[in-house]
Each structure stands twice: as structure tokens, then as C-alpha cells.
């Protein structure tokens, strides 16, 4: 599925995406989110590293759980030059509880619940549910979007190999 279609599916049901359409080679949009301790996070203040942004629907679902655990494992292998961010609409309290139970210690987990800033900026806000579609973005050290993967069906995991190859190519 092309990112330009502006739809994904959830178990075969069409879901419409709202927000901006982002393109590889363009500056990555800034966004604000909420950290686990309720502090405000600003993406523009994270330059200097390669950033993998994993948008998930909810950490309390099986697919999002597996995806975030997988990226947590991969983070150690990628080294200090790569930061992995997982973002969902889950409340920070639920995210903190889930991270503790899952042993997530290498991925930065953020909530987009307050302003939906990320969902709008990256065009992955699902109109029907107001949750985020499953997508992965890679932003280089200079703030340029170098890779995007919008998963066709929200209930499927991303192509990890493709994401990891793209990130390693930027090191």
C-alpha cells in the first residue's frame, strides 16, 4: 500500500488517516508529546542522533507489545547513535506500568494523548478511533525524514528487517 492512499485497514476494515502527508527527503515535522513522568517532550530538541519513531495503537495490545519489545531488543544492538521512540495514545500512567512490567529500558515511550501533535504532524491519526496507525519513521541526524513504513493493516507488525537496514545505512 502506498503511503499516499491515506487509509489503512484494521482486520480488513478501512480506516481513514488524518493529518499531514510526510515524504522521505523532507524535514521531519516537529511534534510535542508527553513523557512517562508527564513532562513535555519536543522532538525538535532531539537532534544529533538517528531517530526511529514507532507509532503504535496501544501498548496493551499483543502486536504493539511484541513490536515495542522487539525494538527494545534491537536498540542495544544499534548503539548510542540511534534513539528509538515508541509513541501511542495510551496515557503515560498506563505506559509507565506497561514498560515496568515488560522491562522496557532502551526505548523512549511517549504519549500523544494530549494534543495528538504527532498523529497530525505525521498523518497517522486514525479518524475513526482517534488512535495512531502502525507506522515507522526514521529521521537522520540533521532532521530529515529518510524512511517511512505505513503498515497496511494495523493488526500486523512492521517489516523489522527493512527498518533496521535503513537505520544501519545512516550510521
Protein backbone atom coordinates (compact mmCIF):
# COMPACT_ATOMS: atom_id res chain seq x y z
CA UNK A 1 0.00 0.00 0.00
CA UNK A 2 1.25 3.46 -0.82
CA UNK A 3 1.52 6.00 1.97
CA UNK A 4 -0.33 8.42 -0.29
CA UNK A 5 -3.56 6.38 -0.07
CA UNK A 6 -4.27 7.86 3.36
CA UNK A 7 -6.06 4.72 4.52
CA UNK A 8 -5.10 1.56 6.32
CA UNK A 9 -7.17 -1.36 7.50
CA UNK A 10 -7.84 -2.91 10.85
CA UNK A 11 -8.68 -6.59 10.45
CA UNK A 12 -9.88 -5.82 6.92
CA UNK A 13 -11.95 -2.73 7.81
CA UNK A 14 -10.90 0.51 6.11
CA UNK A 15 -9.56 3.23 8.43
CA UNK A 16 -9.10 6.83 7.23
CA UNK A 17 -5.94 8.70 8.24
CA UNK A 18 -5.94 12.39 9.06
CA UNK A 19 -3.11 14.88 9.34
CA UNK A 20 -0.23 15.89 7.11
CA UNK A 21 1.33 13.67 4.47
CA UNK A 22 5.05 13.37 5.13
CA UNK A 23 7.61 12.42 2.49
CA UNK A 24 11.09 10.97 2.56
CA UNK A 25 13.73 13.62 1.94
CA UNK A 26 11.73 16.39 3.62
CA UNK A 27 12.36 17.87 7.04
CA UNK A 28 10.74 15.74 9.72
CA UNK A 29 7.87 17.62 11.32
CA UNK A 30 8.29 18.74 14.89
CA UNK A 31 5.81 17.46 17.44
CA UNK A 32 5.14 17.58 21.14
CA UNK A 33 4.20 14.61 23.28
CA UNK A 34 4.08 13.61 26.94
CA UNK A 35 6.82 11.62 28.66
CA UNK A 36 6.17 8.92 31.26
CA UNK A 37 6.76 11.47 34.05
CA UNK A 38 4.22 13.87 32.46
CA UNK A 39 6.90 16.28 31.23
CA UNK A 40 6.51 17.72 27.76
CA UNK A 41 8.70 16.23 25.04
CA UNK A 42 9.65 18.25 21.97
CA UNK A 43 11.00 16.33 19.01
CA UNK A 44 12.98 19.31 17.69
CA UNK A 45 15.18 19.16 20.80
CA UNK A 46 16.43 15.62 19.99
CA UNK A 47 18.66 16.30 17.00
CA UNK A 48 22.12 14.78 16.64
CA UNK A 49 21.04 11.14 16.65
CA UNK A 50 19.31 8.91 14.18
CA UNK A 51 15.75 8.54 15.46
CA UNK A 52 13.46 5.59 14.77
CA UNK A 53 9.88 6.52 15.60
CA UNK A 54 7.49 3.61 16.04
CA UNK A 55 3.82 4.63 16.12
CA UNK A 56 1.58 2.03 17.74
CA UNK A 57 -2.10 1.85 18.59
CA UNK A 58 -1.83 0.75 22.23
CA UNK A 59 0.92 -0.94 24.23
CA UNK A 60 -1.75 -3.11 25.85
CA UNK A 61 -2.40 -4.97 22.58
CA UNK A 62 -0.46 -8.07 21.56
CA UNK A 63 1.01 -6.66 18.34
CA UNK A 64 2.11 -3.36 19.89
CA UNK A 65 3.55 -5.26 22.84
CA UNK A 66 5.63 -7.50 20.53
CA UNK A 67 6.74 -4.56 18.39
CA UNK A 68 7.92 -2.45 21.31
CA UNK A 69 9.71 -5.39 22.92
CA UNK A 70 11.44 -6.13 19.61
CA UNK A 71 12.60 -2.53 19.18
CA UNK A 72 13.82 -2.53 22.80
CA UNK A 73 15.98 -5.59 21.97
CA UNK A 74 17.27 -4.01 18.75
CA UNK A 75 18.12 -0.71 20.46
CA UNK A 76 21.06 -2.28 22.29
CA UNK A 77 22.45 -3.66 19.01
CA UNK A 78 22.17 -0.34 17.17
CA UNK A 79 24.27 1.61 19.67
CA UNK A 80 24.20 5.07 21.18
CA UNK A 81 23.89 6.91 17.86
CA UNK A 82 20.34 5.63 17.40
CA UNK A 83 17.37 6.55 19.58
CA UNK A 84 14.16 4.57 19.32
CA UNK A 85 10.91 6.26 20.24
CA UNK A 86 7.59 4.46 20.60
CA UNK A 87 4.51 6.66 20.64
CA UNK A 88 0.88 5.83 21.28
CA UNK A 89 -2.29 7.43 22.59
CA UNK A 90 -2.03 5.46 25.85
CA UNK A 91 -1.94 7.59 28.97
CA UNK A 92 1.57 8.00 30.45
CA UNK A 93 0.45 6.20 33.63
CA UNK A 94 -0.51 3.10 31.63
CA UNK A 95 2.66 3.35 29.56
CA UNK A 96 4.83 3.52 32.67
CA UNK A 97 3.07 0.49 34.17
CA UNK A 98 3.45 -1.46 30.91
CA UNK A 99 7.14 -0.52 30.48
CA UNK A 100 7.89 -1.66 34.04
CA UNK A 101 6.13 -4.98 33.55
CA UNK A 102 7.73 -5.53 30.12
CA UNK A 103 11.25 -4.47 31.15
CA UNK A 104 11.42 -1.73 28.51
CA UNK A 105 14.56 0.26 29.24
CA UNK A 106 16.10 1.23 25.90
CA UNK A 107 13.11 2.66 24.01
CA UNK A 108 11.75 6.11 24.86
CA UNK A 109 7.98 5.76 25.23
CA UNK A 110 5.79 8.81 24.63
CA UNK A 111 2.08 9.60 24.71
CA UNK A 112 0.30 11.65 22.06
CA UNK A 113 -2.93 11.73 24.08
CA UNK A 114 -2.86 15.41 24.99
CA UNK A 115 -2.61 17.24 21.67
CA UNK A 116 -2.43 14.50 19.04
CA UNK A 117 0.52 16.55 17.79
CA UNK A 118 2.42 13.56 16.42
CA UNK A 119 -0.63 11.97 14.81
CA UNK A 120 -1.47 15.20 12.98
CA UNK A 121 2.13 16.10 12.05
CA UNK A 122 2.91 12.65 10.61
CA UNK A 123 -0.52 11.89 9.16
CA UNK A 124 -1.16 8.72 11.15
CA UNK A 125 -4.14 9.71 13.28
CA UNK A 126 -6.98 7.27 12.59
CA UNK A 127 -10.17 9.26 12.11
CA UNK A 128 -12.50 6.54 13.38
CA UNK A 129 -10.73 5.66 16.64
CA UNK A 130 -8.52 8.72 17.26
CA UNK A 131 -5.66 6.25 17.81
CA UNK A 132 -2.41 6.07 15.84
CA UNK A 133 -1.95 3.84 12.83
CA UNK A 134 1.03 1.49 12.92
CA UNK A 135 3.95 3.19 11.20
CA UNK A 136 7.71 3.53 11.48
CA UNK A 137 9.70 6.63 10.56
CA UNK A 138 13.47 7.16 10.53
CA UNK A 139 14.86 10.66 10.90
CA UNK A 140 18.56 11.32 10.30
CA UNK A 141 20.91 13.35 12.50
CA UNK A 142 20.01 16.52 10.59
CA UNK A 143 16.26 16.17 11.00
CA UNK A 144 15.48 14.81 7.54
CA UNK A 145 12.92 12.03 7.17
CA UNK A 146 14.84 9.20 5.49
CA UNK A 147 12.43 6.28 5.78
CA UNK A 148 8.76 5.63 6.35
CA UNK A 149 6.73 2.49 6.58
CA UNK A 150 2.98 2.65 6.99
CA UNK A 151 1.77 -0.85 7.84
CA UNK A 152 -1.19 -1.80 5.59
CA UNK A 153 -3.20 -3.42 8.38
CA UNK A 154 -2.87 -2.03 11.90
CA UNK A 155 -3.11 -5.56 13.30
CA UNK A 156 0.17 -6.57 11.58
CA UNK A 157 3.75 -5.93 12.69
CA UNK A 158 6.11 -3.78 10.62
CA UNK A 159 8.87 -5.18 8.41
CA UNK A 160 11.64 -5.02 11.02
CA UNK A 161 14.40 -6.06 8.63
CA UNK A 162 13.64 -3.16 6.32
CA UNK A 163 13.58 -0.69 9.23
CA UNK A 164 16.85 -1.95 10.67
CA UNK A 165 18.61 -1.91 7.27
CA UNK A 166 17.52 1.69 6.70
CA UNK A 167 18.73 2.75 10.16
CA UNK A 168 22.09 0.99 9.79
CA UNK A 169 22.63 2.64 6.40
CA UNK A 170 22.56 6.03 8.15
CA UNK A 171 25.25 5.13 10.71
